[in-house]
Amino acid sequence: MSDDARSEPNVFPAGWTVTVILGIAGFAGLCVALIWLVYPAARDMPNKAAGFAPPGLETYPIEAFRSYEAAEQARLAGAGGRTPIEDAMAEVVQRGTLEARP
């Protein structure tokens, strides 16, 4: 065997890797530039993150529920030309069409 020093062969193409990375970055930059040029609305887009509306919380939830409950009770009592719930249940019992279901 000989003792002369040899370098290892270069099996990793670093030049190609750098070229591919720069090509991808250039393509992404070109896409951004084209979007900026073709769509003028993209230049003037406001920052939406800064202007979120606050959550829509109810200021008086108890009164809102009472109003809802009163409207439902009126509907069950026959408001709006409907048959009151007690009368409807009595009609079903008189017809005898209510069947037990498993």
N, C-alpha and C. Protein backbone atom coordinates (compact mmCIF):
# COMPACT_ATOMS: atom_id res chain seq x y z
N MET A 1 0.82 -1.17 0.00
CA MET A 1 0.00 0.00 0.00
C MET A 1 0.87 1.23 0.00
N SER A 2 0.28 2.23 -0.58
CA SER A 2 1.07 3.46 -0.60
C SER A 2 0.51 4.44 0.41
N ASP A 3 1.36 5.31 0.91
CA ASP A 3 0.96 6.26 1.94
C ASP A 3 0.67 7.65 1.38
N ASP A 4 0.44 7.77 0.09
CA ASP A 4 0.17 9.12 -0.45
C ASP A 4 -1.28 9.52 -0.15
N ALA A 5 -1.45 10.77 0.24
CA ALA A 5 -2.76 11.28 0.65
C ALA A 5 -3.61 11.59 -0.58
N ARG A 6 -4.80 11.09 -0.55
CA ARG A 6 -5.76 11.39 -1.63
C ARG A 6 -7.02 12.01 -1.01
N SER A 7 -7.65 12.87 -1.74
CA SER A 7 -8.90 13.46 -1.24
C SER A 7 -10.05 12.59 -1.70
N GLU A 8 -11.12 12.65 -0.95
CA GLU A 8 -12.30 11.87 -1.30
C GLU A 8 -12.98 12.53 -2.50
N PRO A 9 -13.64 11.73 -3.29
CA PRO A 9 -14.35 12.32 -4.42
C PRO A 9 -15.56 13.13 -3.92
N ASN A 10 -15.88 14.19 -4.62
CA ASN A 10 -16.99 15.05 -4.25
C ASN A 10 -18.29 14.42 -4.79
N VAL A 11 -19.05 13.79 -3.90
CA VAL A 11 -20.27 13.12 -4.32
C VAL A 11 -21.51 13.97 -4.07
N PHE A 12 -21.38 15.06 -3.33
CA PHE A 12 -22.51 15.93 -3.06
C PHE A 12 -22.40 17.17 -3.95
N PRO A 13 -23.35 17.33 -4.87
CA PRO A 13 -23.27 18.47 -5.78
C PRO A 13 -23.77 19.76 -5.12
N ALA A 14 -22.93 20.41 -4.37
CA ALA A 14 -23.33 21.62 -3.65
C ALA A 14 -23.72 22.73 -4.61
N GLY A 15 -23.08 22.79 -5.75
CA GLY A 15 -23.40 23.84 -6.72
C GLY A 15 -24.83 23.72 -7.22
N TRP A 16 -25.25 22.49 -7.51
CA TRP A 16 -26.62 22.27 -7.98
C TRP A 16 -27.63 22.56 -6.87
N THR A 17 -27.32 22.20 -5.66
CA THR A 17 -28.23 22.45 -4.55
C THR A 17 -28.45 23.94 -4.35
N VAL A 18 -27.39 24.70 -4.37
CA VAL A 18 -27.51 26.15 -4.22
C VAL A 18 -28.28 26.74 -5.40
N THR A 19 -28.05 26.23 -6.59
CA THR A 19 -28.75 26.72 -7.77
C THR A 19 -30.26 26.45 -7.67
N VAL A 20 -30.63 25.27 -7.21
CA VAL A 20 -32.05 24.93 -7.07
C VAL A 20 -32.70 25.81 -6.01
N ILE A 21 -32.03 26.01 -4.88
CA ILE A 21 -32.59 26.84 -3.82
C ILE A 21 -32.78 28.28 -4.30
N LEU A 22 -31.79 28.81 -4.98
CA LEU A 22 -31.91 30.17 -5.51
C LEU A 22 -32.98 30.25 -6.59
N GLY A 23 -33.13 29.20 -7.38
CA GLY A 23 -34.17 29.19 -8.41
C GLY A 23 -35.57 29.20 -7.80
N ILE A 24 -35.77 28.42 -6.75
CA ILE A 24 -37.07 28.40 -6.08
C ILE A 24 -37.36 29.76 -5.44
N ALA A 25 -36.37 30.35 -4.79
CA ALA A 25 -36.57 31.66 -4.18
C ALA A 25 -36.86 32.72 -5.24
N GLY A 26 -36.16 32.65 -6.37
CA GLY A 26 -36.42 33.59 -7.45
C GLY A 26 -37.81 33.42 -8.04
N PHE A 27 -38.26 32.16 -8.19
CA PHE A 27 -39.59 31.91 -8.71
C PHE A 27 -40.66 32.45 -7.77
N ALA A 28 -40.47 32.25 -6.47
CA ALA A 28 -41.43 32.78 -5.49
C ALA A 28 -41.46 34.30 -5.53
N GLY A 29 -40.30 34.92 -5.65
CA GLY A 29 -40.25 36.38 -5.75
C GLY A 29 -40.91 36.88 -7.01
N LEU A 30 -40.73 36.16 -8.12
CA LEU A 30 -41.37 36.53 -9.37
C LEU A 30 -42.89 36.42 -9.25
N CYS A 31 -43.37 35.38 -8.61
CA CYS A 31 -44.82 35.22 -8.41
C CYS A 31 -45.40 36.36 -7.59
N VAL A 32 -44.71 36.74 -6.51
CA VAL A 32 -45.18 37.85 -5.68
C VAL A 32 -45.19 39.15 -6.48
N ALA A 33 -44.15 39.37 -7.26
CA ALA A 33 -44.08 40.59 -8.06
C ALA A 33 -45.18 40.63 -9.12
N LEU A 34 -45.46 39.50 -9.76
CA LEU A 34 -46.53 39.47 -10.76
C LEU A 34 -47.89 39.72 -10.13
N ILE A 35 -48.13 39.13 -8.98
CA ILE A 35 -49.40 39.37 -8.30
C ILE A 35 -49.52 40.85 -7.93
N TRP A 36 -48.44 41.44 -7.46
CA TRP A 36 -48.45 42.85 -7.08
C TRP A 36 -48.71 43.74 -8.29
N LEU A 37 -48.17 43.35 -9.45
CA LEU A 37 -48.35 44.17 -10.66
C LEU A 37 -49.72 43.95 -11.31
N VAL A 38 -50.18 42.72 -11.36
CA VAL A 38 -51.40 42.40 -12.09
C VAL A 38 -52.65 42.77 -11.28
N TYR A 39 -52.60 42.59 -9.97
CA TYR A 39 -53.76 42.86 -9.13
C TYR A 39 -53.49 44.09 -8.27
N PRO A 40 -53.91 45.27 -8.72
CA PRO A 40 -53.62 46.47 -7.94
C PRO A 40 -54.32 46.46 -6.58
N ALA A 41 -55.41 45.71 -6.45
CA ALA A 41 -56.09 45.65 -5.16
C ALA A 41 -55.21 44.98 -4.11
N ALA A 42 -54.28 44.15 -4.53
CA ALA A 42 -53.40 43.47 -3.58
C ALA A 42 -52.45 44.46 -2.91
N ARG A 43 -52.18 45.59 -3.56
CA ARG A 43 -51.29 46.60 -2.97
C ARG A 43 -51.97 47.37 -1.86
N ASP A 44 -53.28 47.56 -1.98
CA ASP A 44 -54.00 48.43 -1.06
C ASP A 44 -54.80 47.67 -0.03
N MET A 45 -54.48 46.41 0.22
CA MET A 45 -55.25 45.62 1.17
C MET A 45 -54.97 46.11 2.59
N PRO A 46 -56.03 46.41 3.34
CA PRO A 46 -55.81 46.85 4.72
C PRO A 46 -55.40 45.67 5.60
N ASN A 47 -54.81 46.00 6.69
CA ASN A 47 -54.39 44.97 7.64
C ASN A 47 -55.62 44.52 8.43
N LYS A 48 -56.13 43.35 8.11
CA LYS A 48 -57.36 42.86 8.75
C LYS A 48 -57.11 42.43 10.19
N ALA A 49 -55.91 42.04 10.53
CA ALA A 49 -55.65 41.54 11.87
C ALA A 49 -55.80 42.64 12.92
N ALA A 50 -55.57 43.89 12.53
CA ALA A 50 -55.64 44.97 13.50
C ALA A 50 -57.08 45.42 13.75
N GLY A 51 -58.02 45.07 12.86
CA GLY A 51 -59.36 45.60 12.99
C GLY A 51 -60.44 44.58 13.27
N PHE A 52 -60.16 43.58 14.08
CA PHE A 52 -61.19 42.61 14.40
C PHE A 52 -62.27 43.27 15.25
N ALA A 53 -63.49 42.92 14.97
CA ALA A 53 -64.60 43.44 15.77
C ALA A 53 -64.65 42.68 17.09
N PRO A 54 -65.10 43.34 18.13
CA PRO A 54 -65.22 42.63 19.41
C PRO A 54 -66.34 41.60 19.32
N PRO A 55 -66.34 40.61 20.18
CA PRO A 55 -67.39 39.60 20.13
C PRO A 55 -68.75 40.22 20.43
N GLY A 56 -69.76 39.70 19.77
CA GLY A 56 -71.10 40.22 19.96
C GLY A 56 -71.76 39.64 21.19
N LEU A 57 -71.47 40.20 22.33
CA LEU A 57 -72.05 39.72 23.57
C LEU A 57 -73.39 40.39 23.82
N GLU A 58 -74.30 39.64 24.41
CA GLU A 58 -75.58 40.21 24.76
C GLU A 58 -75.42 41.08 26.00
N THR A 59 -75.98 42.28 25.93
CA THR A 59 -75.87 43.15 27.10
C THR A 59 -76.92 42.81 28.15
N TYR A 60 -78.08 42.35 27.72
CA TYR A 60 -79.16 41.98 28.63
C TYR A 60 -79.69 40.60 28.26
N PRO A 61 -78.96 39.52 28.56
CA PRO A 61 -79.40 38.19 28.13
C PRO A 61 -80.66 37.71 28.83
N ILE A 62 -80.90 38.13 30.05
CA ILE A 62 -82.08 37.65 30.77
C ILE A 62 -83.34 38.22 30.12
N GLU A 63 -83.31 39.51 29.78
CA GLU A 63 -84.46 40.12 29.14
C GLU A 63 -84.69 39.53 27.75
N ALA A 64 -83.61 39.24 27.04
CA ALA A 64 -83.75 38.63 25.71
C ALA A 64 -84.37 37.25 25.81
N PHE A 65 -83.97 36.47 26.81
CA PHE A 65 -84.55 35.14 26.99
C PHE A 65 -86.02 35.24 27.38
N ARG A 66 -86.34 36.18 28.25
CA ARG A 66 -87.74 36.34 28.66
C ARG A 66 -88.61 36.74 27.47
N SER A 67 -88.08 37.58 26.59
CA SER A 67 -88.82 37.97 25.39
C SER A 67 -89.03 36.77 24.47
N TYR A 68 -87.98 35.96 24.31
CA TYR A 68 -88.08 34.75 23.49
C TYR A 68 -89.09 33.78 24.10
N GLU A 69 -89.03 33.61 25.41
CA GLU A 69 -89.93 32.68 26.08
C GLU A 69 -91.39 33.14 25.96
N ALA A 70 -91.62 34.44 26.07
CA ALA A 70 -92.98 34.97 25.94
C ALA A 70 -93.51 34.76 24.53
N ALA A 71 -92.65 34.95 23.54
CA ALA A 71 -93.08 34.73 22.14
C ALA A 71 -93.41 33.26 21.91
N GLU A 72 -92.64 32.35 22.48
CA GLU A 72 -92.91 30.92 22.32
C GLU A 72 -94.19 30.51 23.04
N GLN A 73 -94.41 31.06 24.22
CA GLN A 73 -95.64 30.75 24.96
C GLN A 73 -96.87 31.27 24.20
N ALA A 74 -96.74 32.46 23.59
CA ALA A 74 -97.85 33.01 22.81
C ALA A 74 -98.12 32.14 21.59
N ARG A 75 -97.06 31.64 20.97
CA ARG A 75 -97.23 30.77 19.80
C ARG A 75 -97.92 29.47 20.20
N LEU A 76 -97.53 28.91 21.33
CA LEU A 76 -98.18 27.68 21.80
C LEU A 76 -99.63 27.93 22.22
N ALA A 77 -99.94 29.15 22.65
CA ALA A 77 -101.30 29.47 23.08
C ALA A 77 -102.21 29.78 21.89
N GLY A 78 -101.67 29.84 20.68
CA GLY A 78 -102.51 30.03 19.51
C GLY A 78 -102.34 31.37 18.83
N ALA A 79 -101.28 32.09 19.12
CA ALA A 79 -101.08 33.38 18.47
C ALA A 79 -100.82 33.18 16.99
N GLY A 80 -101.24 34.13 16.19
CA GLY A 80 -100.99 34.08 14.75
C GLY A 80 -101.91 33.13 14.03
N GLY A 81 -103.09 32.84 14.57
CA GLY A 81 -104.04 31.97 13.89
C GLY A 81 -103.74 30.50 14.01
N ARG A 82 -102.90 30.12 14.93
CA ARG A 82 -102.57 28.70 15.13
C ARG A 82 -103.53 28.07 16.12
N THR A 83 -103.58 26.78 16.08
CA THR A 83 -104.39 26.04 17.05
C THR A 83 -103.61 25.96 18.35
N PRO A 84 -104.22 26.32 19.46
CA PRO A 84 -103.52 26.21 20.74
C PRO A 84 -103.08 24.76 20.99
N ILE A 85 -102.00 24.60 21.69
CA ILE A 85 -101.41 23.28 21.89
C ILE A 85 -102.36 22.36 22.66
N GLU A 86 -103.09 22.89 23.64
CA GLU A 86 -104.01 22.05 24.40
C GLU A 86 -105.12 21.50 23.50
N ASP A 87 -105.64 22.38 22.62
CA ASP A 87 -106.69 21.93 21.69
C ASP A 87 -106.15 20.89 20.71
N ALA A 88 -104.94 21.09 20.23
CA ALA A 88 -104.35 20.13 19.29
C ALA A 88 -104.14 18.78 19.96
N MET A 89 -103.68 18.77 21.20
CA MET A 89 -103.49 17.50 21.90
C MET A 89 -104.83 16.81 22.15
N ALA A 90 -105.85 17.58 22.48
CA ALA A 90 -107.18 16.99 22.69
C ALA A 90 -107.72 16.38 21.40
N GLU A 91 -107.50 17.01 20.26
CA GLU A 91 -107.94 16.46 18.97
C GLU A 91 -107.24 15.15 18.66
N VAL A 92 -105.97 15.07 18.96
CA VAL A 92 -105.23 13.83 18.71
C VAL A 92 -105.77 12.71 19.59
N VAL A 93 -106.08 13.01 20.84
CA VAL A 93 -106.60 12.00 21.74
C VAL A 93 -107.99 11.55 21.27
N GLN A 94 -108.83 12.47 20.80
CA GLN A 94 -110.18 12.12 20.35
C GLN A 94 -110.13 11.25 19.10
N ARG A 95 -109.21 11.54 18.19
CA ARG A 95 -109.11 10.72 16.98
C ARG A 95 -108.56 9.35 17.28
N GLY A 96 -107.76 9.25 18.30
CA GLY A 96 -107.18 7.96 18.64
C GLY A 96 -106.11 7.51 17.66
N THR A 97 -105.48 8.44 17.00
CA THR A 97 -104.46 8.09 16.00
C THR A 97 -103.06 8.09 16.58
N LEU A 98 -102.95 8.34 17.84
CA LEU A 98 -101.64 8.36 18.45
C LEU A 98 -101.24 6.93 18.79
N GLU A 99 -100.22 6.42 18.12
CA GLU A 99 -99.77 5.04 18.33
C GLU A 99 -98.49 5.04 19.14
N ALA A 100 -98.36 4.00 19.93
CA ALA A 100 -97.11 3.86 20.68
C ALA A 100 -96.04 3.38 19.73
N ARG A 101 -94.88 3.97 19.88
CA ARG A 101 -93.74 3.57 19.02
C ARG A 101 -92.70 2.90 19.87
N PRO A 102 -92.02 1.91 19.30
CA PRO A 102 -91.00 1.21 20.10
C PRO A 102 -89.82 2.09 20.40
